[in-house]
Amino acid sequence: MKRNLLLIAVLASLPAFAAAESWNNVSVIDSQCSMKAKADPDAHTRACALQCSKSGFGIIDKSGQYLKFDEKGNQQTLKLLQGSSKKDHLRVDVSGKLDGDVIHVDSLTLM
């Protein structure tokens, strides 16, 4: 019985140690425009992303799926976009943990 409880405790803690994933050279888009920009994400402008920033941000991954950022990722993206002079072709490298369709961002770099 003690061994079973220990096994359950260990298994329950595994998600906390899940390995980070990486998404490299992917388009970053605000959530409000994610569906209409999906066809050509590189044409989505920085000005639009900043204007729609309250909706949050995420990426269009290589398979075409939109993955949202957590609050930390939203804040980092906003800061990077505000400090950038890029007009469009907004690409990032992201690492973090995927939970459903939300990336819990560890690091984010605007390319």
PDB file of N, CA and C in Angstrom:
ATOM      1  N   MET A   1       0.820  -1.190   0.000  1.00  0.00           N
ATOM      2  CA  MET A   1       0.000   0.000   0.000  1.00  0.00           C
ATOM      3  C   MET A   1       0.869   1.260   0.000  1.00  0.00           C
ATOM      4  N   LYS A   2       1.930   1.263   0.826  1.00  0.00           N
ATOM      5  CA  LYS A   2       2.827   2.412   0.870  1.00  0.00           C
ATOM      6  C   LYS A   2       3.494   2.641  -0.487  1.00  0.00           C
ATOM      7  N   ARG A   3       3.871   1.538  -1.113  1.00  0.00           N
ATOM      8  CA  ARG A   3       4.535   1.630  -2.409  1.00  0.00           C
ATOM      9  C   ARG A   3       3.585   2.215  -3.459  1.00  0.00           C
ATOM     10  N   ASN A   4       2.309   1.833  -3.427  1.00  0.00           N
ATOM     11  CA  ASN A   4       1.329   2.370  -4.363  1.00  0.00           C
ATOM     12  C   ASN A   4       1.139   3.871  -4.170  1.00  0.00           C
ATOM     13  N   LEU A   5       1.100   4.316  -2.918  1.00  0.00           N
ATOM     14  CA  LEU A   5       0.960   5.743  -2.637  1.00  0.00           C
ATOM     15  C   LEU A   5       2.179   6.509  -3.138  1.00  0.00           C
ATOM     16  N   LEU A   6       3.350   5.934  -2.968  1.00  0.00           N
ATOM     17  CA  LEU A   6       4.576   6.563  -3.453  1.00  0.00           C
ATOM     18  C   LEU A   6       4.560   6.650  -4.975  1.00  0.00           C
ATOM     19  N   LEU A   7       4.150   5.596  -5.631  1.00  0.00           N
ATOM     20  CA  LEU A   7       4.067   5.585  -7.088  1.00  0.00           C
ATOM     21  C   LEU A   7       3.082   6.631  -7.587  1.00  0.00           C
ATOM     22  N   ILE A   8       1.951   6.753  -6.952  1.00  0.00           N
ATOM     23  CA  ILE A   8       0.954   7.758  -7.326  1.00  0.00           C
ATOM     24  C   ILE A   8       1.525   9.162  -7.146  1.00  0.00           C
ATOM     25  N   ALA A   9       2.218   9.405  -6.054  1.00  0.00           N
ATOM     26  CA  ALA A   9       2.817  10.710  -5.799  1.00  0.00           C
ATOM     27  C   ALA A   9       3.856  11.060  -6.866  1.00  0.00           C
ATOM     28  N   VAL A  10       4.671  10.088  -7.242  1.00  0.00           N
ATOM     29  CA  VAL A  10       5.689  10.329  -8.268  1.00  0.00           C
ATOM     30  C   VAL A  10       5.035  10.611  -9.614  1.00  0.00           C
ATOM     31  N   LEU A  11       4.064   9.830  -9.993  1.00  0.00           N
ATOM     32  CA  LEU A  11       3.382  10.036 -11.272  1.00  0.00           C
ATOM     33  C   LEU A  11       2.645  11.367 -11.312  1.00  0.00           C
ATOM     34  N   ALA A  12       2.069  11.777 -10.219  1.00  0.00           N
ATOM     35  CA  ALA A  12       1.347  13.052 -10.163  1.00  0.00           C
ATOM     36  C   ALA A  12       2.288  14.240 -10.330  1.00  0.00           C
ATOM     37  N   SER A  13       3.543  14.081  -9.964  1.00  0.00           N
ATOM     38  CA  SER A  13       4.490  15.184 -10.063  1.00  0.00           C
ATOM     39  C   SER A  13       5.171  15.274 -11.423  1.00  0.00           C
ATOM     40  N   LEU A  14       5.016  14.294 -12.282  1.00  0.00           N
ATOM     41  CA  LEU A  14       5.700  14.284 -13.579  1.00  0.00           C
ATOM     42  C   LEU A  14       5.381  15.478 -14.463  1.00  0.00           C
ATOM     43  N   PRO A  15       4.135  15.934 -14.608  1.00  0.00           N
ATOM     44  CA  PRO A  15       3.896  17.084 -15.474  1.00  0.00           C
ATOM     45  C   PRO A  15       4.684  18.319 -15.070  1.00  0.00           C
ATOM     46  N   ALA A  16       4.988  18.469 -13.811  1.00  0.00           N
ATOM     47  CA  ALA A  16       5.763  19.616 -13.359  1.00  0.00           C
ATOM     48  C   ALA A  16       7.186  19.586 -13.917  1.00  0.00           C
ATOM     49  N   PHE A  17       7.649  18.402 -14.289  1.00  0.00           N
ATOM     50  CA  PHE A  17       8.996  18.271 -14.819  1.00  0.00           C
ATOM     51  C   PHE A  17       9.008  18.044 -16.334  1.00  0.00           C
ATOM     52  N   ALA A  18       7.913  18.338 -17.001  1.00  0.00           N
ATOM     53  CA  ALA A  18       7.834  18.141 -18.445  1.00  0.00           C
ATOM     54  C   ALA A  18       8.891  19.006 -19.134  1.00  0.00           C
ATOM     55  N   ALA A  19       9.498  18.452 -20.136  1.00  0.00           N
ATOM     56  CA  ALA A  19      10.554  19.157 -20.860  1.00  0.00           C
ATOM     57  C   ALA A  19       9.979  20.303 -21.677  1.00  0.00           C
ATOM     58  N   ALA A  20      10.749  21.356 -21.766  1.00  0.00           N
ATOM     59  CA  ALA A  20      10.355  22.500 -22.582  1.00  0.00           C
ATOM     60  C   ALA A  20      10.426  22.114 -24.056  1.00  0.00           C
ATOM     61  N   GLU A  21       9.561  22.716 -24.831  1.00  0.00           N
ATOM     62  CA  GLU A  21       9.556  22.528 -26.278  1.00  0.00           C
ATOM     63  C   GLU A  21      10.027  23.822 -26.924  1.00  0.00           C
ATOM     64  N   SER A  22      10.397  23.737 -28.187  1.00  0.00           N
ATOM     65  CA  SER A  22      10.843  24.916 -28.927  1.00  0.00           C
ATOM     66  C   SER A  22      10.083  25.030 -30.234  1.00  0.00           C
ATOM     67  N   TRP A  23       9.787  26.265 -30.609  1.00  0.00           N
ATOM     68  CA  TRP A  23       9.193  26.593 -31.893  1.00  0.00           C
ATOM     69  C   TRP A  23      10.105  27.663 -32.477  1.00  0.00           C
ATOM     70  N   ASN A  24      10.745  27.348 -33.587  1.00  0.00           N
ATOM     71  CA  ASN A  24      11.732  28.258 -34.165  1.00  0.00           C
ATOM     72  C   ASN A  24      11.255  28.825 -35.492  1.00  0.00           C
ATOM     73  N   ASN A  25      11.546  30.121 -35.656  1.00  0.00           N
ATOM     74  CA  ASN A  25      11.228  30.837 -36.893  1.00  0.00           C
ATOM     75  C   ASN A  25       9.748  30.697 -37.259  1.00  0.00           C
ATOM     76  N   VAL A  26       8.885  30.980 -36.284  1.00  0.00           N
ATOM     77  CA  VAL A  26       7.439  30.907 -36.496  1.00  0.00           C
ATOM     78  C   VAL A  26       6.836  32.304 -36.410  1.00  0.00           C
ATOM     79  N   SER A  27       5.705  32.495 -37.066  1.00  0.00           N
ATOM     80  CA  SER A  27       5.043  33.800 -37.087  1.00  0.00           C
ATOM     81  C   SER A  27       4.326  34.068 -35.777  1.00  0.00           C
ATOM     82  N   VAL A  28       4.515  35.277 -35.253  1.00  0.00           N
ATOM     83  CA  VAL A  28       3.793  35.714 -34.062  1.00  0.00           C
ATOM     84  C   VAL A  28       2.651  36.625 -34.517  1.00  0.00           C
ATOM     85  N   ILE A  29       1.463  36.379 -33.974  1.00  0.00           N
ATOM     86  CA  ILE A  29       0.244  37.086 -34.389  1.00  0.00           C
ATOM     87  C   ILE A  29      -0.570  37.383 -33.140  1.00  0.00           C
ATOM     88  N   ASP A  30      -1.300  38.491 -33.151  1.00  0.00           N
ATOM     89  CA  ASP A  30      -2.239  38.744 -32.064  1.00  0.00           C
ATOM     90  C   ASP A  30      -3.440  37.809 -32.219  1.00  0.00           C
ATOM     91  N   SER A  31      -4.074  37.491 -31.114  1.00  0.00           N
ATOM     92  CA  SER A  31      -5.180  36.521 -31.122  1.00  0.00           C
ATOM     93  C   SER A  31      -6.359  36.992 -31.963  1.00  0.00           C
ATOM     94  N   GLN A  32      -6.623  38.283 -31.948  1.00  0.00           N
ATOM     95  CA  GLN A  32      -7.771  38.807 -32.692  1.00  0.00           C
ATOM     96  C   GLN A  32      -7.638  38.562 -34.195  1.00  0.00           C
ATOM     97  N   CYS A  33      -6.443  38.628 -34.701  1.00  0.00           N
ATOM     98  CA  CYS A  33      -6.219  38.476 -36.143  1.00  0.00           C
ATOM     99  C   CYS A  33      -5.752  37.076 -36.542  1.00  0.00           C
ATOM    100  N   SER A  34      -5.689  36.157 -35.594  1.00  0.00           N
ATOM    101  CA  SER A  34      -5.080  34.858 -35.869  1.00  0.00           C
ATOM    102  C   SER A  34      -5.756  34.096 -36.999  1.00  0.00           C
ATOM    103  N   MET A  35      -7.072  34.149 -37.088  1.00  0.00           N
ATOM    104  CA  MET A  35      -7.761  33.384 -38.135  1.00  0.00           C
ATOM    105  C   MET A  35      -7.590  34.014 -39.516  1.00  0.00           C
ATOM    106  N   LYS A  36      -7.737  35.326 -39.614  1.00  0.00           N
ATOM    107  CA  LYS A  36      -7.628  35.941 -40.939  1.00  0.00           C
ATOM    108  C   LYS A  36      -6.186  36.039 -41.422  1.00  0.00           C
ATOM    109  N   ALA A  37      -5.221  36.073 -40.493  1.00  0.00           N
ATOM    110  CA  ALA A  37      -3.811  36.161 -40.886  1.00  0.00           C
ATOM    111  C   ALA A  37      -3.194  34.791 -41.132  1.00  0.00           C
ATOM    112  N   LYS A  38      -3.932  33.744 -40.850  1.00  0.00           N
ATOM    113  CA  LYS A  38      -3.398  32.374 -40.967  1.00  0.00           C
ATOM    114  C   LYS A  38      -2.938  32.048 -42.391  1.00  0.00           C
ATOM    115  N   ALA A  39      -3.645  32.565 -43.389  1.00  0.00           N
ATOM    116  CA  ALA A  39      -3.302  32.272 -44.779  1.00  0.00           C
ATOM    117  C   ALA A  39      -1.953  32.866 -45.182  1.00  0.00           C
ATOM    118  N   ASP A  40      -1.612  34.046 -44.652  1.00  0.00           N
ATOM    119  CA  ASP A  40      -0.349  34.701 -44.976  1.00  0.00           C
ATOM    120  C   ASP A  40       0.155  35.451 -43.739  1.00  0.00           C
ATOM    121  N   PRO A  41       0.643  34.733 -42.734  1.00  0.00           N
ATOM    122  CA  PRO A  41       1.018  35.381 -41.475  1.00  0.00           C
ATOM    123  C   PRO A  41       2.153  36.395 -41.602  1.00  0.00           C
ATOM    124  N   ASP A  42       3.016  36.243 -42.600  1.00  0.00           N
ATOM    125  CA  ASP A  42       4.111  37.202 -42.757  1.00  0.00           C
ATOM    126  C   ASP A  42       3.630  38.565 -43.229  1.00  0.00           C
ATOM    127  N   ALA A  43       2.433  38.641 -43.776  1.00  0.00           N
ATOM    128  CA  ALA A  43       1.877  39.921 -44.215  1.00  0.00           C
ATOM    129  C   ALA A  43       1.234  40.695 -43.057  1.00  0.00           C
ATOM    130  N   HIS A  44       1.019  40.023 -41.939  1.00  0.00           N
ATOM    131  CA  HIS A  44       0.421  40.694 -40.779  1.00  0.00           C
ATOM    132  C   HIS A  44       1.399  41.729 -40.249  1.00  0.00           C
ATOM    133  N   THR A  45       0.926  42.943 -40.031  1.00  0.00           N
ATOM    134  CA  THR A  45       1.820  44.044 -39.685  1.00  0.00           C
ATOM    135  C   THR A  45       2.014  44.203 -38.190  1.00  0.00           C
ATOM    136  N   ARG A  46       3.139  44.774 -37.852  1.00  0.00           N
ATOM    137  CA  ARG A  46       3.458  45.118 -36.472  1.00  0.00           C
ATOM    138  C   ARG A  46       2.448  46.119 -35.932  1.00  0.00           C
ATOM    139  N   ALA A  47       2.071  47.094 -36.759  1.00  0.00           N
ATOM    140  CA  ALA A  47       1.093  48.107 -36.334  1.00  0.00           C
ATOM    141  C   ALA A  47      -0.230  47.466 -35.938  1.00  0.00           C
ATOM    142  N   CYS A  48      -0.687  46.486 -36.706  1.00  0.00           N
ATOM    143  CA  CYS A  48      -1.935  45.789 -36.396  1.00  0.00           C
ATOM    144  C   CYS A  48      -1.775  44.977 -35.109  1.00  0.00           C
ATOM    145  N   ALA A  49      -0.646  44.294 -34.966  1.00  0.00           N
ATOM    146  CA  ALA A  49      -0.412  43.494 -33.769  1.00  0.00           C
ATOM    147  C   ALA A  49      -0.428  44.373 -32.519  1.00  0.00           C
ATOM    148  N   LEU A  50       0.171  45.550 -32.610  1.00  0.00           N
ATOM    149  CA  LEU A  50       0.171  46.467 -31.471  1.00  0.00           C
ATOM    150  C   LEU A  50      -1.234  47.006 -31.203  1.00  0.00           C
ATOM    151  N   GLN A  51      -1.963  47.306 -32.259  1.00  0.00           N
ATOM    152  CA  GLN A  51      -3.327  47.820 -32.111  1.00  0.00           C
ATOM    153  C   GLN A  51      -4.242  46.775 -31.459  1.00  0.00           C
ATOM    154  N   CYS A  52      -4.024  45.516 -31.767  1.00  0.00           N
ATOM    155  CA  CYS A  52      -4.873  44.431 -31.256  1.00  0.00           C
ATOM    156  C   CYS A  52      -4.230  43.706 -30.066  1.00  0.00           C
ATOM    157  N   SER A  53      -3.240  44.307 -29.437  1.00  0.00           N
ATOM    158  CA  SER A  53      -2.457  43.628 -28.406  1.00  0.00           C
ATOM    159  C   SER A  53      -3.274  43.188 -27.194  1.00  0.00           C
ATOM    160  N   LYS A  54      -4.371  43.853 -26.907  1.00  0.00           N
ATOM    161  CA  LYS A  54      -5.183  43.471 -25.740  1.00  0.00           C
ATOM    162  C   LYS A  54      -5.793  42.079 -25.885  1.00  0.00           C
ATOM    163  N   SER A  55      -5.848  41.560 -27.111  1.00  0.00           N
ATOM    164  CA  SER A  55      -6.398  40.218 -27.321  1.00  0.00           C
ATOM    165  C   SER A  55      -5.381  39.130 -26.974  1.00  0.00           C
ATOM    166  N   GLY A  56      -4.114  39.522 -26.796  1.00  0.00           N
ATOM    167  CA  GLY A  56      -3.053  38.558 -26.509  1.00  0.00           C
ATOM    168  C   GLY A  56      -2.348  38.143 -27.785  1.00  0.00           C
ATOM    169  N   PHE A  57      -1.304  37.358 -27.637  1.00  0.00           N
ATOM    170  CA  PHE A  57      -0.483  36.932 -28.764  1.00  0.00           C
ATOM    171  C   PHE A  57      -0.306  35.421 -28.763  1.00  0.00           C
ATOM    172  N   GLY A  58       0.215  34.939 -29.859  1.00  0.00           N
ATOM    173  CA  GLY A  58       0.543  33.532 -30.002  1.00  0.00           C
ATOM    174  C   GLY A  58       1.298  33.328 -31.294  1.00  0.00           C
ATOM    175  N   ILE A  59       1.472  32.074 -31.657  1.00  0.00           N
ATOM    176  CA  ILE A  59       2.195  31.746 -32.886  1.00  0.00           C
ATOM    177  C   ILE A  59       1.335  30.882 -33.786  1.00  0.00           C
ATOM    178  N   ILE A  60       1.659  30.934 -35.054  1.00  0.00           N
ATOM    179  CA  ILE A  60       1.142  29.966 -36.015  1.00  0.00           C
ATOM    180  C   ILE A  60       2.288  28.976 -36.199  1.00  0.00           C
ATOM    181  N   ASP A  61       2.092  27.749 -35.731  1.00  0.00           N
ATOM    182  CA  ASP A  61       3.182  26.777 -35.809  1.00  0.00           C
ATOM    183  C   ASP A  61       3.329  26.249 -37.234  1.00  0.00           C
ATOM    184  N   LYS A  62       4.303  25.397 -37.434  1.00  0.00           N
ATOM    185  CA  LYS A  62       4.613  24.878 -38.784  1.00  0.00           C
ATOM    186  C   LYS A  62       3.451  24.105 -39.402  1.00  0.00           C
ATOM    187  N   SER A  63       2.553  23.556 -38.548  1.00  0.00           N
ATOM    188  CA  SER A  63       1.392  22.821 -39.072  1.00  0.00           C
ATOM    189  C   SER A  63       0.203  23.729 -39.358  1.00  0.00           C
ATOM    190  N   GLY A  64       0.335  25.035 -39.039  1.00  0.00           N
ATOM    191  CA  GLY A  64      -0.751  25.985 -39.279  1.00  0.00           C
ATOM    192  C   GLY A  64      -1.685  26.179 -38.097  1.00  0.00           C
ATOM    193  N   GLN A  65      -1.366  25.565 -36.961  1.00  0.00           N
ATOM    194  CA  GLN A  65      -2.201  25.697 -35.762  1.00  0.00           C
ATOM    195  C   GLN A  65      -1.804  26.955 -34.995  1.00  0.00           C
ATOM    196  N   TYR A  66      -2.818  27.665 -34.462  1.00  0.00           N
ATOM    197  CA  TYR A  66      -2.560  28.838 -33.632  1.00  0.00           C
ATOM    198  C   TYR A  66      -2.432  28.398 -32.179  1.00  0.00           C
ATOM    199  N   LEU A  67      -1.307  28.736 -31.562  1.00  0.00           N
ATOM    200  CA  LEU A  67      -1.047  28.426 -30.159  1.00  0.00           C
ATOM    201  C   LEU A  67      -0.897  29.732 -29.399  1.00  0.00           C
ATOM    202  N   LYS A  68      -1.709  29.923 -28.367  1.00  0.00           N
ATOM    203  CA  LYS A  68      -1.712  31.163 -27.590  1.00  0.00           C
ATOM    204  C   LYS A  68      -0.565  31.172 -26.582  1.00  0.00           C
ATOM    205  N   PHE A  69      -0.143  32.383 -26.219  1.00  0.00           N
ATOM    206  CA  PHE A  69       0.845  32.565 -25.164  1.00  0.00           C
ATOM    207  C   PHE A  69       0.151  32.773 -23.832  1.00  0.00           C
ATOM    208  N   ASP A  70       0.838  32.405 -22.766  1.00  0.00           N
ATOM    209  CA  ASP A  70       0.377  32.744 -21.426  1.00  0.00           C
ATOM    210  C   ASP A  70       0.630  34.240 -21.190  1.00  0.00           C
ATOM    211  N   GLU A  71       0.277  34.744 -20.028  1.00  0.00           N
ATOM    212  CA  GLU A  71       0.416  36.180 -19.753  1.00  0.00           C
ATOM    213  C   GLU A  71       1.869  36.643 -19.844  1.00  0.00           C
ATOM    214  N   LYS A  72       2.784  35.836 -19.371  1.00  0.00           N
ATOM    215  CA  LYS A  72       4.210  36.188 -19.462  1.00  0.00           C
ATOM    216  C   LYS A  72       4.621  36.338 -20.925  1.00  0.00           C
ATOM    217  N   GLY A  73       4.199  35.418 -21.772  1.00  0.00           N
ATOM    218  CA  GLY A  73       4.508  35.491 -23.198  1.00  0.00           C
ATOM    219  C   GLY A  73       3.874  36.698 -23.859  1.00  0.00           C
ATOM    220  N   ASN A  74       2.638  37.036 -23.454  1.00  0.00           N
ATOM    221  CA  ASN A  74       1.970  38.221 -23.993  1.00  0.00           C
ATOM    222  C   ASN A  74       2.751  39.484 -23.649  1.00  0.00           C
ATOM    223  N   GLN A  75       3.195  39.588 -22.409  1.00  0.00           N
ATOM    224  CA  GLN A  75       3.947  40.767 -21.985  1.00  0.00           C
ATOM    225  C   GLN A  75       5.284  40.865 -22.709  1.00  0.00           C
ATOM    226  N   GLN A  76       5.979  39.742 -22.853  1.00  0.00           N
ATOM    227  CA  GLN A  76       7.266  39.740 -23.552  1.00  0.00           C
ATOM    228  C   GLN A  76       7.091  40.126 -25.019  1.00  0.00           C
ATOM    229  N   THR A  77       6.042  39.595 -25.658  1.00  0.00           N
ATOM    230  CA  THR A  77       5.799  39.898 -27.067  1.00  0.00           C
ATOM    231  C   THR A  77       5.501  41.378 -27.252  1.00  0.00           C
ATOM    232  N   LEU A  78       4.655  41.926 -26.401  1.00  0.00           N
ATOM    233  CA  LEU A  78       4.319  43.348 -26.501  1.00  0.00           C
ATOM    234  C   LEU A  78       5.570  44.207 -26.369  1.00  0.00           C
ATOM    235  N   LYS A  79       6.413  43.898 -25.412  1.00  0.00           N
ATOM    236  CA  LYS A  79       7.638  44.669 -25.202  1.00  0.00           C
ATOM    237  C   LYS A  79       8.564  44.564 -26.425  1.00  0.00           C
ATOM    238  N   LEU A  80       8.699  43.356 -26.980  1.00  0.00           N
ATOM    239  CA  LEU A  80       9.554  43.171 -28.158  1.00  0.00           C
ATOM    240  C   LEU A  80       9.012  43.929 -29.368  1.00  0.00           C
ATOM    241  N   LEU A  81       7.701  43.866 -29.569  1.00  0.00           N
ATOM    242  CA  LEU A  81       7.106  44.567 -30.715  1.00  0.00           C
ATOM    243  C   LEU A  81       7.206  46.080 -30.559  1.00  0.00           C
ATOM    244  N   GLN A  82       7.027  46.583 -29.353  1.00  0.00           N
ATOM    245  CA  GLN A  82       7.141  48.020 -29.119  1.00  0.00           C
ATOM    246  C   GLN A  82       8.558  48.512 -29.376  1.00  0.00           C
ATOM    247  N   GLY A  83       9.541  47.680 -29.137  1.00  0.00           N
ATOM    248  CA  GLY A  83      10.939  48.057 -29.337  1.00  0.00           C
ATOM    249  C   GLY A  83      11.487  47.752 -30.720  1.00  0.00           C
ATOM    250  N   SER A  84      10.655  47.200 -31.575  1.00  0.00           N
ATOM    251  CA  SER A  84      11.102  46.807 -32.909  1.00  0.00           C
ATOM    252  C   SER A  84      10.698  47.844 -33.960  1.00  0.00           C
ATOM    253  N   SER A  85      11.456  47.893 -35.029  1.00  0.00           N
ATOM    254  CA  SER A  85      11.095  48.760 -36.161  1.00  0.00           C
ATOM    255  C   SER A  85      10.589  47.939 -37.350  1.00  0.00           C
ATOM    256  N   LYS A  86      10.491  46.620 -37.180  1.00  0.00           N
ATOM    257  CA  LYS A  86       9.995  45.769 -38.264  1.00  0.00           C
ATOM    258  C   LYS A  86       8.561  46.151 -38.591  1.00  0.00           C
ATOM    259  N   LYS A  87       8.222  46.159 -39.865  1.00  0.00           N
ATOM    260  CA  LYS A  87       6.862  46.494 -40.279  1.00  0.00           C
ATOM    261  C   LYS A  87       5.977  45.254 -40.385  1.00  0.00           C
ATOM    262  N   ASP A  88       6.557  44.142 -40.820  1.00  0.00           N
ATOM    263  CA  ASP A  88       5.816  42.891 -40.978  1.00  0.00           C
ATOM    264  C   ASP A  88       6.811  41.735 -40.908  1.00  0.00           C
ATOM    265  N   HIS A  89       6.387  40.557 -41.334  1.00  0.00           N
ATOM    266  CA  HIS A  89       7.244  39.367 -41.278  1.00  0.00           C
ATOM    267  C   HIS A  89       7.764  39.182 -39.845  1.00  0.00           C
ATOM    268  N   LEU A  90       6.819  39.132 -38.893  1.00  0.00           N
ATOM    269  CA  LEU A  90       7.137  39.047 -37.474  1.00  0.00           C
ATOM    270  C   LEU A  90       7.369  37.588 -37.091  1.00  0.00           C
ATOM    271  N   ARG A  91       8.625  37.235 -36.953  1.00  0.00           N
ATOM    272  CA  ARG A  91       9.014  35.852 -36.655  1.00  0.00           C
ATOM    273  C   ARG A  91       9.697  35.796 -35.300  1.00  0.00           C
ATOM    274  N   VAL A  92       9.473  34.687 -34.588  1.00  0.00           N
ATOM    275  CA  VAL A  92      10.058  34.508 -33.260  1.00  0.00           C
ATOM    276  C   VAL A  92      10.594  33.095 -33.084  1.00  0.00           C
ATOM    277  N   ASP A  93      11.473  32.970 -32.111  1.00  0.00           N
ATOM    278  CA  ASP A  93      11.875  31.683 -31.548  1.00  0.00           C
ATOM    279  C   ASP A  93      11.283  31.655 -30.149  1.00  0.00           C
ATOM    280  N   VAL A  94      10.581  30.578 -29.810  1.00  0.00           N
ATOM    281  CA  VAL A  94       9.901  30.461 -28.520  1.00  0.00           C
ATOM    282  C   VAL A  94      10.285  29.139 -27.881  1.00  0.00           C
ATOM    283  N   SER A  95      10.485  29.157 -26.569  1.00  0.00           N
ATOM    284  CA  SER A  95      10.588  27.908 -25.835  1.00  0.00           C
ATOM    285  C   SER A  95       9.653  27.996 -24.639  1.00  0.00           C
ATOM    286  N   GLY A  96       9.084  26.867 -24.295  1.00  0.00           N
ATOM    287  CA  GLY A  96       8.153  26.823 -23.178  1.00  0.00           C
ATOM    288  C   GLY A  96       7.467  25.473 -23.123  1.00  0.00           C
ATOM    289  N   LYS A  97       6.443  25.425 -22.318  1.00  0.00           N
ATOM    290  CA  LYS A  97       5.692  24.180 -22.142  1.00  0.00           C
ATOM    291  C   LYS A  97       4.294  24.356 -22.731  1.00  0.00           C
ATOM    292  N   LEU A  98       3.904  23.421 -23.564  1.00  0.00           N
ATOM    293  CA  LEU A  98       2.592  23.446 -24.201  1.00  0.00           C
ATOM    294  C   LEU A  98       1.586  22.750 -23.304  1.00  0.00           C
ATOM    295  N   ASP A  99       0.492  23.445 -23.009  1.00  0.00           N
ATOM    296  CA  ASP A  99      -0.604  22.903 -22.201  1.00  0.00           C
ATOM    297  C   ASP A  99      -1.885  23.143 -22.988  1.00  0.00           C
ATOM    298  N   GLY A 100      -2.361  22.108 -23.683  1.00  0.00           N
ATOM    299  CA  GLY A 100      -3.518  22.285 -24.574  1.00  0.00           C
ATOM    300  C   GLY A 100      -3.094  23.115 -25.763  1.00  0.00           C
ATOM    301  N   ASP A 101      -3.698  24.310 -25.904  1.00  0.00           N
ATOM    302  CA  ASP A 101      -3.306  25.215 -26.989  1.00  0.00           C
ATOM    303  C   ASP A 101      -2.629  26.478 -26.451  1.00  0.00           C
ATOM    304  N   VAL A 102      -2.099  26.405 -25.218  1.00  0.00           N
ATOM    305  CA  VAL A 102      -1.422  27.541 -24.589  1.00  0.00           C
ATOM    306  C   VAL A 102       0.036  27.189 -24.335  1.00  0.00           C
ATOM    307  N   ILE A 103       0.920  28.090 -24.765  1.00  0.00           N
ATOM    308  CA  ILE A 103       2.342  27.933 -24.485  1.00  0.00           C
ATOM    309  C   ILE A 103       2.674  28.752 -23.238  1.00  0.00           C
ATOM    310  N   HIS A 104       3.213  28.081 -22.223  1.00  0.00           N
ATOM    311  CA  HIS A 104       3.706  28.762 -21.037  1.00  0.00           C
ATOM    312  C   HIS A 104       5.167  29.122 -21.357  1.00  0.00           C
ATOM    313  N   VAL A 105       5.368  30.374 -21.730  1.00  0.00           N
ATOM    314  CA  VAL A 105       6.619  30.831 -22.329  1.00  0.00           C
ATOM    315  C   VAL A 105       7.742  30.905 -21.313  1.00  0.00           C
ATOM    316  N   ASP A 106       8.871  30.281 -21.668  1.00  0.00           N
ATOM    317  CA  ASP A 106      10.108  30.416 -20.896  1.00  0.00           C
ATOM    318  C   ASP A 106      10.983  31.511 -21.506  1.00  0.00           C
ATOM    319  N   SER A 107      11.106  31.476 -22.847  1.00  0.00           N
ATOM    320  CA  SER A 107      11.888  32.502 -23.531  1.00  0.00           C
ATOM    321  C   SER A 107      11.277  32.810 -24.891  1.00  0.00           C
ATOM    322  N   LEU A 108      11.517  34.027 -25.337  1.00  0.00           N
ATOM    323  CA  LEU A 108      10.939  34.500 -26.595  1.00  0.00           C
ATOM    324  C   LEU A 108      11.919  35.474 -27.222  1.00  0.00           C
ATOM    325  N   THR A 109      12.251  35.251 -28.482  1.00  0.00           N
ATOM    326  CA  THR A 109      13.177  36.129 -29.192  1.00  0.00           C
ATOM    327  C   THR A 109      12.577  36.539 -30.522  1.00  0.00           C
ATOM    328  N   LEU A 110      12.501  37.836 -30.777  1.00  0.00           N
ATOM    329  CA  LEU A 110      12.032  38.342 -32.060  1.00  0.00           C
ATOM    330  C   LEU A 110      13.193  38.277 -33.032  1.00  0.00           C
ATOM    331  N   MET A 111      12.940  37.703 -34.208  1.00  0.00           N
ATOM    332  CA  MET A 111      14.007  37.539 -35.201  1.00  0.00           C
ATOM    333  C   MET A 111      14.080  38.748 -36.108  1.00  0.00           C
TER     334      MET A 111
END
